[in-house]
C-alpha atoms as a PDB file:
ATOM      1  CA  UNK A   1     -10.990  -5.304 -14.335  1.00  0.00           C
ATOM      2  CA  UNK A   2      -7.452  -4.050 -13.745  1.00  0.00           C
ATOM      3  CA  UNK A   3      -5.245  -6.042 -11.431  1.00  0.00           C
ATOM      4  CA  UNK A   4      -4.585  -4.137  -8.236  1.00  0.00           C
ATOM      5  CA  UNK A   5      -2.005  -5.119  -5.639  1.00  0.00           C
ATOM      6  CA  UNK A   6      -2.123  -3.863  -2.069  1.00  0.00           C
ATOM      7  CA  UNK A   7       0.949  -3.320   0.056  1.00  0.00           C
ATOM      8  CA  UNK A   8       0.377  -4.552   3.586  1.00  0.00           C
ATOM      9  CA  UNK A   9       2.104  -2.424   6.204  1.00  0.00           C
ATOM     10  CA  UNK A  10       1.105   1.219   6.111  1.00  0.00           C
ATOM     11  CA  UNK A  11      -1.669   0.493   3.608  1.00  0.00           C
ATOM     12  CA  UNK A  12      -3.764  -2.298   5.148  1.00  0.00           C
ATOM     13  CA  UNK A  13      -2.147  -2.841   8.557  1.00  0.00           C
ATOM     14  CA  UNK A  14      -1.235   0.082  10.820  1.00  0.00           C
ATOM     15  CA  UNK A  15       1.927  -0.996  12.604  1.00  0.00           C
ATOM     16  CA  UNK A  16       2.680   2.513  13.795  1.00  0.00           C
ATOM     17  CA  UNK A  17      -0.223   2.426  16.227  1.00  0.00           C
ATOM     18  CA  UNK A  18       1.287  -0.529  18.101  1.00  0.00           C
ATOM     19  CA  UNK A  19       4.953   0.437  17.845  1.00  0.00           C
ATOM     20  CA  UNK A  20       5.253   4.208  18.326  1.00  0.00           C
ATOM     21  CA  UNK A  21       3.737   6.843  20.578  1.00  0.00           C
ATOM     22  CA  UNK A  22       3.930   9.486  17.822  1.00  0.00           C
ATOM     23  CA  UNK A  23       3.082   9.158  14.153  1.00  0.00           C
ATOM     24  CA  UNK A  24       6.293   8.735  12.112  1.00  0.00           C
ATOM     25  CA  UNK A  25       7.320  11.878  10.269  1.00  0.00           C
ATOM     26  CA  UNK A  26       9.935  10.227   8.051  1.00  0.00           C
ATOM     27  CA  UNK A  27      10.926   6.807   6.702  1.00  0.00           C
ATOM     28  CA  UNK A  28      13.235   5.074   9.184  1.00  0.00           C
ATOM     29  CA  UNK A  29      11.621   6.890  12.114  1.00  0.00           C
ATOM     30  CA  UNK A  30      12.833   5.946  15.600  1.00  0.00           C
ATOM     31  CA  UNK A  31      11.680   6.531  19.157  1.00  0.00           C
ATOM     32  CA  UNK A  32      14.103   6.020  22.043  1.00  0.00           C
ATOM     33  CA  UNK A  33      16.667   4.815  19.511  1.00  0.00           C
ATOM     34  CA  UNK A  34      14.458   1.974  18.267  1.00  0.00           C
ATOM     35  CA  UNK A  35      12.991   1.620  14.775  1.00  0.00           C
ATOM     36  CA  UNK A  36       9.932  -0.410  13.845  1.00  0.00           C
ATOM     37  CA  UNK A  37      12.013  -3.560  13.218  1.00  0.00           C
ATOM     38  CA  UNK A  38      13.682  -3.319  16.644  1.00  0.00           C
ATOM     39  CA  UNK A  39      10.344  -2.907  18.419  1.00  0.00           C
ATOM     40  CA  UNK A  40       8.603  -5.742  16.569  1.00  0.00           C
ATOM     41  CA  UNK A  41      11.678  -7.952  17.037  1.00  0.00           C
ATOM     42  CA  UNK A  42      11.057  -7.749  20.780  1.00  0.00           C
ATOM     43  CA  UNK A  43       7.385  -8.777  20.442  1.00  0.00           C
ATOM     44  CA  UNK A  44       6.197 -10.333  17.183  1.00  0.00           C
ATOM     45  CA  UNK A  45       2.621 -10.472  18.461  1.00  0.00           C
ATOM     46  CA  UNK A  46       2.445  -6.723  17.728  1.00  0.00           C
ATOM     47  CA  UNK A  47       2.033  -7.805  14.102  1.00  0.00           C
ATOM     48  CA  UNK A  48      -1.200  -9.591  15.059  1.00  0.00           C
ATOM     49  CA  UNK A  49      -2.385  -6.827  17.397  1.00  0.00           C
ATOM     50  CA  UNK A  50      -1.984  -3.975  14.899  1.00  0.00           C
ATOM     51  CA  UNK A  51      -5.276  -2.446  13.781  1.00  0.00           C
ATOM     52  CA  UNK A  52      -6.267  -2.155  10.139  1.00  0.00           C
ATOM     53  CA  UNK A  53      -5.825   1.204   8.468  1.00  0.00           C
ATOM     54  CA  UNK A  54      -8.904   3.097   7.214  1.00  0.00           C
ATOM     55  CA  UNK A  55      -7.918   1.965   3.685  1.00  0.00           C
ATOM     56  CA  UNK A  56      -8.467  -1.662   4.683  1.00  0.00           C
ATOM     57  CA  UNK A  57     -12.239  -1.033   4.515  1.00  0.00           C
ATOM     58  CA  UNK A  58     -11.867  -0.338   0.792  1.00  0.00           C
ATOM     59  CA  UNK A  59      -9.829  -3.515   0.264  1.00  0.00           C
ATOM     60  CA  UNK A  60     -12.415  -5.782   1.850  1.00  0.00           C
ATOM     61  CA  UNK A  61     -15.102  -4.328  -0.432  1.00  0.00           C
ATOM     62  CA  UNK A  62     -13.194  -5.739  -3.420  1.00  0.00           C
ATOM     63  CA  UNK A  63     -14.146  -9.116  -4.900  1.00  0.00           C
ATOM     64  CA  UNK A  64     -10.546 -10.310  -4.555  1.00  0.00           C
ATOM     65  CA  UNK A  65      -7.494  -8.797  -2.870  1.00  0.00           C
ATOM     66  CA  UNK A  66      -3.920  -9.298  -4.058  1.00  0.00           C
ATOM     67  CA  UNK A  67      -1.444  -8.456  -1.303  1.00  0.00           C
ATOM     68  CA  UNK A  68       2.165  -7.787  -2.255  1.00  0.00           C
ATOM     69  CA  UNK A  69       4.501  -7.359   0.704  1.00  0.00           C
ATOM     70  CA  UNK A  70       8.181  -7.105   1.520  1.00  0.00           C
ATOM     71  CA  UNK A  71       8.915  -8.020   5.121  1.00  0.00           C
ATOM     72  CA  UNK A  72      11.306 -10.105   7.219  1.00  0.00           C
ATOM     73  CA  UNK A  73      10.627 -13.848   7.110  1.00  0.00           C
ATOM     74  CA  UNK A  74      10.311 -13.852  10.916  1.00  0.00           C
ATOM     75  CA  UNK A  75       7.110 -11.788  10.524  1.00  0.00           C
ATOM     76  CA  UNK A  76       5.263 -14.110   8.121  1.00  0.00           C
ATOM     77  CA  UNK A  77       3.465 -16.391  10.605  1.00  0.00           C
ATOM     78  CA  UNK A  78       2.139 -13.379  12.551  1.00  0.00           C
ATOM     79  CA  UNK A  79       1.261 -11.553   9.334  1.00  0.00           C
ATOM     80  CA  UNK A  80      -0.768 -14.513   8.105  1.00  0.00           C
ATOM     81  CA  UNK A  81      -2.645 -14.621  11.416  1.00  0.00           C
ATOM     82  CA  UNK A  82      -3.451 -10.919  10.991  1.00  0.00           C
ATOM     83  CA  UNK A  83      -4.627 -11.448   7.402  1.00  0.00           C
ATOM     84  CA  UNK A  84      -6.868 -14.351   8.415  1.00  0.00           C
ATOM     85  CA  UNK A  85      -8.380 -12.166  11.136  1.00  0.00           C
ATOM     86  CA  UNK A  86      -9.279  -9.282   8.805  1.00  0.00           C
ATOM     87  CA  UNK A  87      -9.702 -10.977   5.413  1.00  0.00           C
ATOM     88  CA  UNK A  88     -11.446 -14.244   6.317  1.00  0.00           C
ATOM     89  CA  UNK A  89     -14.682 -13.118   4.681  1.00  0.00           C
ATOM     90  CA  UNK A  90     -13.153 -12.517   1.217  1.00  0.00           C
ATOM     91  CA  UNK A  91     -10.815 -14.200  -1.248  1.00  0.00           C
ATOM     92  CA  UNK A  92      -7.230 -13.040  -1.252  1.00  0.00           C
ATOM     93  CA  UNK A  93      -3.751 -13.952  -2.404  1.00  0.00           C
ATOM     94  CA  UNK A  94      -0.549 -12.883  -0.700  1.00  0.00           C
ATOM     95  CA  UNK A  95       2.860 -12.679  -2.337  1.00  0.00           C
ATOM     96  CA  UNK A  96       5.956 -12.194  -0.206  1.00  0.00           C
ATOM     97  CA  UNK A  97       8.844 -10.636  -2.118  1.00  0.00           C
ATOM     98  CA  UNK A  98      12.478 -10.661  -1.090  1.00  0.00           C
ATOM     99  CA  UNK A  99      13.261  -7.153  -2.308  1.00  0.00           C
ATOM    100  CA  UNK A 100      11.240  -3.984  -2.627  1.00  0.00           C
ATOM    101  CA  UNK A 101      12.081  -3.719  -6.337  1.00  0.00           C
ATOM    102  CA  UNK A 102      10.412  -7.071  -7.025  1.00  0.00           C
ATOM    103  CA  UNK A 103       7.104  -5.276  -6.421  1.00  0.00           C
ATOM    104  CA  UNK A 104       7.811  -2.965  -9.353  1.00  0.00           C
ATOM    105  CA  UNK A 105       8.864  -5.891 -11.547  1.00  0.00           C
ATOM    106  CA  UNK A 106       5.582  -7.691 -10.788  1.00  0.00           C
ATOM    107  CA  UNK A 107       3.280  -4.736 -11.453  1.00  0.00           C
ATOM    108  CA  UNK A 108       5.111  -3.810 -14.641  1.00  0.00           C
ATOM    109  CA  UNK A 109       5.055  -7.392 -15.941  1.00  0.00           C
ATOM    110  CA  UNK A 110       1.323  -7.729 -15.197  1.00  0.00           C
ATOM    111  CA  UNK A 111       0.345  -4.195 -16.252  1.00  0.00           C
ATOM    112  CA  UNK A 112      -1.068  -3.842 -12.740  1.00  0.00           C
ATOM    113  CA  UNK A 113      -1.212  -1.141 -10.086  1.00  0.00           C
ATOM    114  CA  UNK A 114       0.156  -1.151  -6.551  1.00  0.00           C
ATOM    115  CA  UNK A 115      -1.350   0.699  -3.617  1.00  0.00           C
ATOM    116  CA  UNK A 116       1.693   1.629  -1.559  1.00  0.00           C
ATOM    117  CA  UNK A 117       3.073   4.072   1.005  1.00  0.00           C
ATOM    118  CA  UNK A 118       6.835   3.500   0.673  1.00  0.00           C
ATOM    119  CA  UNK A 119       8.913   6.510  -0.471  1.00  0.00           C
ATOM    120  CA  UNK A 120      11.856   4.479  -1.802  1.00  0.00           C
ATOM    121  CA  UNK A 121      10.879   3.462  -5.343  1.00  0.00           C
ATOM    122  CA  UNK A 122      12.397   4.921  -8.512  1.00  0.00           C
ATOM    123  CA  UNK A 123       9.199   4.561 -10.544  1.00  0.00           C
ATOM    124  CA  UNK A 124       5.755   5.627  -9.285  1.00  0.00           C
ATOM    125  CA  UNK A 125       3.937   5.490 -12.624  1.00  0.00           C
ATOM    126  CA  UNK A 126       1.875   2.431 -11.606  1.00  0.00           C
ATOM    127  CA  UNK A 127       1.754   3.171  -7.877  1.00  0.00           C
ATOM    128  CA  UNK A 128      -1.214   4.658  -6.079  1.00  0.00           C
ATOM    129  CA  UNK A 129       0.556   6.394  -3.229  1.00  0.00           C
ATOM    130  CA  UNK A 130      -1.178   6.572   0.134  1.00  0.00           C
ATOM    131  CA  UNK A 131      -0.300  10.042   1.375  1.00  0.00           C
ATOM    132  CA  UNK A 132       1.806  10.119   4.515  1.00  0.00           C
ATOM    133  CA  UNK A 133       4.223  12.569   6.159  1.00  0.00           C
ATOM    134  CA  UNK A 134       7.136  10.309   5.194  1.00  0.00           C
ATOM    135  CA  UNK A 135       6.327  10.331   1.432  1.00  0.00           C
ATOM    136  CA  UNK A 136       5.374  13.997   0.920  1.00  0.00           C
ATOM    137  CA  UNK A 137       8.418  14.669  -1.272  1.00  0.00           C
ATOM    138  CA  UNK A 138       7.582  11.889  -3.748  1.00  0.00           C
ATOM    139  CA  UNK A 139       6.155  12.899  -7.101  1.00  0.00           C
ATOM    140  CA  UNK A 140       3.462  10.356  -7.819  1.00  0.00           C
ATOM    141  CA  UNK A 141       0.994  10.186 -10.673  1.00  0.00           C
ATOM    142  CA  UNK A 142      -1.674   8.936  -8.252  1.00  0.00           C
ATOM    143  CA  UNK A 143      -1.745  10.121  -4.625  1.00  0.00           C
ATOM    144  CA  UNK A 144      -4.698   9.601  -2.299  1.00  0.00           C
ATOM    145  CA  UNK A 145      -5.285  11.050   1.137  1.00  0.00           C
ATOM    146  CA  UNK A 146      -8.539   9.367   2.100  1.00  0.00           C
ATOM    147  CA  UNK A 147     -10.246   6.011   1.639  1.00  0.00           C
ATOM    148  CA  UNK A 148     -12.970   7.781  -0.355  1.00  0.00           C
ATOM    149  CA  UNK A 149     -10.389   9.158  -2.805  1.00  0.00           C
ATOM    150  CA  UNK A 150      -8.897   5.685  -3.166  1.00  0.00           C
ATOM    151  CA  UNK A 151     -12.280   4.129  -3.801  1.00  0.00           C
ATOM    152  CA  UNK A 152     -13.077   6.721  -6.486  1.00  0.00           C
ATOM    153  CA  UNK A 153      -9.684   6.271  -8.162  1.00  0.00           C
ATOM    154  CA  UNK A 154     -10.089   2.480  -8.244  1.00  0.00           C
ATOM    155  CA  UNK A 155     -13.467   2.896  -9.954  1.00  0.00           C
ATOM    156  CA  UNK A 156     -11.888   5.130 -12.609  1.00  0.00           C
ATOM    157  CA  UNK A 157      -8.951   2.785 -13.154  1.00  0.00           C
ATOM    158  CA  UNK A 158     -11.215  -0.249 -13.451  1.00  0.00           C
ATOM    159  CA  UNK A 159     -13.410   1.504 -16.006  1.00  0.00           C
ATOM    160  CA  UNK A 160     -10.363   2.789 -17.922  1.00  0.00           C
ATOM    161  CA  UNK A 161     -11.689   6.321 -17.406  1.00  0.00           C
ATOM    162  CA  UNK A 162      -8.384   7.487 -15.999  1.00  0.00           C
ATOM    163  CA  UNK A 163      -6.774   7.015 -19.423  1.00  0.00           C
ATOM    164  CA  UNK A 164      -9.633   8.713 -21.294  1.00  0.00           C
ATOM    165  CA  UNK A 165      -9.327  11.736 -19.021  1.00  0.00           C
ATOM    166  CA  UNK A 166      -5.590  11.961 -19.732  1.00  0.00           C
ATOM    167  CA  UNK A 167      -6.086  11.698 -23.504  1.00  0.00           C
ATOM    168  CA  UNK A 168      -8.668  14.497 -23.460  1.00  0.00           C
ATOM    169  CA  UNK A 169      -6.270  16.631 -21.449  1.00  0.00           C
ATOM    170  CA  UNK A 170      -3.473  16.039 -23.974  1.00  0.00           C
ATOM    171  CA  UNK A 171      -5.764  16.829 -26.915  1.00  0.00           C
ATOM    172  CA  UNK A 172      -6.936  20.086 -25.353  1.00  0.00           C
ATOM    173  CA  UNK A 173      -3.325  21.127 -24.703  1.00  0.00           C
ATOM    174  CA  UNK A 174      -2.367  20.447 -28.316  1.00  0.00           C
ATOM    175  CA  UNK A 175      -5.271  22.452 -29.760  1.00  0.00           C
ATOM    176  CA  UNK A 176      -4.687  25.644 -27.778  1.00  0.00           C
END
């Protein structure tokens, strides 16, 4: 089974529903001059109150969930309370990284995949991008719009069928 990491915010936890009236259209979105960090900084309990995303249902179906997150240290206690609330019935591991690029280093070193929504990486070859208005301009090898699409892609990745499909495609291109 391939190792899969899950980003937390925007993938498993929906912070936008407790911080903004409108759905963010771009990374760094603000309402009334406040960004997500400003709003949460005024009330850290929003981190515990945030609902799970629809993709969270796919995560909790997995035998084990590896969470890989980059967030301010002041959020960690509230984040762990949220994780215990939604992941208490399954086994999980959470890794807090200090920089966004450490996520890429980890997945590359472990030949793993990362389910992510952030539009700020240089390399998306091992990222399964959760489609969002703020990452539309990113060229990603794997982009999913629905939990069902994610579930199907994870099945293919875990059975190594994604690579077989690509090899067949390359062979058919070379023979024409």
